[in-house]
Amino acid sequence: MQAPIAQQPVAQAQAIPQQMMGAVGMAAPMAARPNAMMNPLDAIKSCLQHTTTFDGRASRSEFWWFYLFYFIVSEILSLVAVALDMIYIVFIVYLLVPAMLSASARRLHDHGKSGWFMLIPLYNLYLFIVDGEGEVNKFGAPPTNVL
């Protein structure tokens, strides 16, 4: 004879480890993805060190921290250029644009896509936002977010 429903033990909901959580909170296996976000200074250093390297992969945090740095520096340089009647394009072209292109290509590599996908406007934005592949792909191992 079974106990009445009110007296049956309730199964405990098992917690899903953080590394198993998907981008929208659904349980999805994400083996080998970074456990922690890259800090801003490490992201900037990494992207500037890999300015001429279009090989490998970049995590979301690395890409977006560098994008924020790129945006802030370009805005500050444009304000300084207007105030001093200087052309700041030279600084941006020689210093930051190659690093941003490299970071973008490496971010797309995290999805297993070619860097040329950055030429497709809305699709590349989608790829920049969502999490990349959790396993090794043809562009290398998943990023570790450690310098």
Protein backbone atom coordinates (compact mmCIF):
# COMPACT_ATOMS: atom_id res chain seq x y z
CA MET A 1 0.00 0.00 0.00
CA GLN A 2 1.38 3.41 -0.98
CA ALA A 3 1.40 6.42 1.28
CA PRO A 4 -1.00 9.22 0.38
CA ILE A 5 0.40 11.81 -2.01
CA ALA A 6 0.77 14.41 0.74
CA GLN A 7 3.04 12.07 2.74
CA GLN A 8 5.30 10.91 -0.12
CA PRO A 9 8.80 12.34 0.00
CA VAL A 10 9.37 15.16 -2.47
CA ALA A 11 12.32 14.70 -4.79
CA GLN A 12 14.90 17.40 -4.22
CA ALA A 13 15.68 19.53 -7.26
CA GLN A 14 19.31 19.11 -8.07
CA ALA A 15 21.31 22.27 -8.61
CA ILE A 16 22.88 22.60 -12.01
CA PRO A 17 26.53 23.61 -11.79
CA GLN A 18 27.29 27.06 -13.20
CA GLN A 19 29.51 25.66 -15.98
CA MET A 20 26.54 23.62 -17.18
CA MET A 21 24.22 26.63 -17.52
CA GLY A 22 23.45 27.82 -21.02
CA ALA A 23 23.34 31.41 -22.22
CA VAL A 24 19.69 31.82 -21.24
CA GLY A 25 19.74 29.70 -18.09
CA MET A 26 18.76 26.40 -19.66
CA ALA A 27 20.79 23.34 -18.84
CA ALA A 28 23.15 22.64 -21.69
CA PRO A 29 26.51 20.89 -21.57
CA MET A 30 29.27 23.42 -22.05
CA ALA A 31 32.43 21.42 -21.53
CA ALA A 32 35.71 23.30 -21.41
CA ARG A 33 34.28 26.82 -21.50
CA PRO A 34 35.94 29.38 -19.21
CA ASN A 35 34.54 29.39 -15.69
CA ALA A 36 35.24 33.07 -15.09
CA MET A 37 35.05 36.23 -17.11
CA MET A 38 38.32 37.83 -18.23
CA ASN A 39 39.03 41.06 -16.38
CA PRO A 40 39.23 44.30 -18.41
CA LEU A 41 42.98 44.86 -18.16
CA ASP A 42 43.82 41.30 -19.18
CA ALA A 43 41.40 41.56 -22.11
CA ILE A 44 43.00 44.80 -23.33
CA LYS A 45 46.52 43.36 -22.93
CA SER A 46 45.56 40.17 -24.71
CA CYS A 47 43.98 41.95 -27.68
CA LEU A 48 46.86 44.40 -28.04
CA GLN A 49 49.41 41.57 -27.83
CA HIS A 50 47.52 39.64 -30.52
CA THR A 51 47.05 42.62 -32.83
CA THR A 52 48.73 40.91 -35.76
CA THR A 53 47.53 37.41 -34.87
CA PHE A 54 44.32 36.28 -36.47
CA ASP A 55 44.78 32.70 -35.20
CA GLY A 56 43.08 31.22 -32.18
CA ARG A 57 39.89 32.08 -30.36
CA ALA A 58 38.63 34.92 -28.16
CA SER A 59 35.99 34.65 -25.45
CA ARG A 60 33.00 36.96 -25.16
CA SER A 61 34.45 38.80 -22.18
CA GLU A 62 37.78 39.36 -23.92
CA PHE A 63 36.07 40.72 -27.03
CA TRP A 64 33.54 42.97 -25.28
CA TRP A 65 36.00 44.44 -22.77
CA PHE A 66 38.32 45.33 -25.64
CA TYR A 67 35.41 46.73 -27.66
CA LEU A 68 34.51 49.01 -24.72
CA PHE A 69 38.15 50.13 -24.47
CA TYR A 70 38.26 50.75 -28.23
CA PHE A 71 35.06 52.82 -28.11
CA ILE A 72 36.16 54.94 -25.13
CA VAL A 73 39.65 55.62 -26.53
CA SER A 74 38.32 56.53 -29.98
CA GLU A 75 35.77 58.94 -28.44
CA ILE A 76 38.41 60.59 -26.25
CA LEU A 77 40.80 60.92 -29.19
CA SER A 78 38.07 62.44 -31.35
CA LEU A 79 37.28 65.03 -28.67
CA VAL A 80 40.97 65.88 -28.31
CA ALA A 81 41.36 66.08 -32.09
CA VAL A 82 38.43 68.48 -32.41
CA ALA A 83 39.69 70.64 -29.53
CA LEU A 84 43.22 70.83 -30.93
CA ASP A 85 42.33 70.77 -34.65
CA MET A 86 44.33 67.57 -35.13
CA ILE A 87 43.65 64.53 -37.20
CA TYR A 88 43.28 61.57 -34.86
CA ILE A 89 42.52 59.05 -37.60
CA VAL A 90 46.23 58.20 -37.86
CA PHE A 91 46.33 57.04 -34.23
CA ILE A 92 43.19 54.96 -34.60
CA VAL A 93 44.22 53.36 -37.89
CA TYR A 94 47.72 52.42 -36.80
CA LEU A 95 47.01 51.39 -33.23
CA LEU A 96 43.48 50.18 -32.65
CA VAL A 97 41.80 49.13 -35.88
CA PRO A 98 44.10 46.14 -36.51
CA ALA A 99 43.64 45.00 -32.91
CA MET A 100 39.85 45.29 -33.21
CA LEU A 101 39.83 43.36 -36.49
CA SER A 102 41.98 40.65 -34.94
CA ALA A 103 39.75 40.39 -31.84
CA SER A 104 36.67 40.19 -34.08
CA ALA A 105 38.15 37.43 -36.21
CA ARG A 106 39.22 35.46 -33.13
CA ARG A 107 35.73 35.91 -31.62
CA LEU A 108 34.20 34.44 -34.79
CA HIS A 109 36.72 31.59 -34.63
CA ASP A 110 35.21 30.74 -31.23
CA HIS A 111 32.09 29.71 -33.18
CA GLY A 112 34.05 27.75 -35.75
CA LYS A 113 33.41 30.44 -38.39
CA SER A 114 35.88 32.21 -40.63
CA GLY A 115 36.91 35.75 -39.76
CA TRP A 116 35.37 36.88 -43.02
CA PHE A 117 31.94 36.52 -41.41
CA MET A 118 32.55 39.93 -39.82
CA LEU A 119 31.50 41.38 -43.18
CA ILE A 120 27.91 40.18 -42.64
CA PRO A 121 26.46 42.94 -40.40
CA LEU A 122 23.67 41.39 -38.31
CA TYR A 123 24.91 37.82 -38.34
CA ASN A 124 28.30 38.80 -36.94
CA LEU A 125 26.63 40.79 -34.16
CA TYR A 126 24.67 37.67 -33.23
CA LEU A 127 27.90 35.62 -33.22
CA PHE A 128 29.67 38.24 -31.07
CA ILE A 129 26.89 38.01 -28.46
CA VAL A 130 26.21 34.29 -28.09
CA ASP A 131 28.57 31.84 -26.42
CA GLY A 132 31.02 29.98 -28.64
CA GLU A 133 31.65 26.28 -29.06
CA GLY A 134 32.65 24.42 -25.92
CA GLU A 135 34.94 21.93 -27.60
CA VAL A 136 38.05 22.11 -29.74
CA ASN A 137 37.35 23.28 -33.28
CA LYS A 138 39.56 23.87 -36.32
CA PHE A 139 40.78 27.18 -34.82
CA GLY A 140 42.02 25.66 -31.57
CA ALA A 141 40.99 24.97 -28.00
CA PRO A 142 38.34 27.06 -26.23
CA PRO A 143 39.69 30.28 -24.69
CA THR A 144 40.73 30.04 -21.04
CA ASN A 145 40.39 33.75 -20.10
CA VAL A 146 43.83 33.57 -18.51
CA LEU A 147 46.82 35.47 -19.81
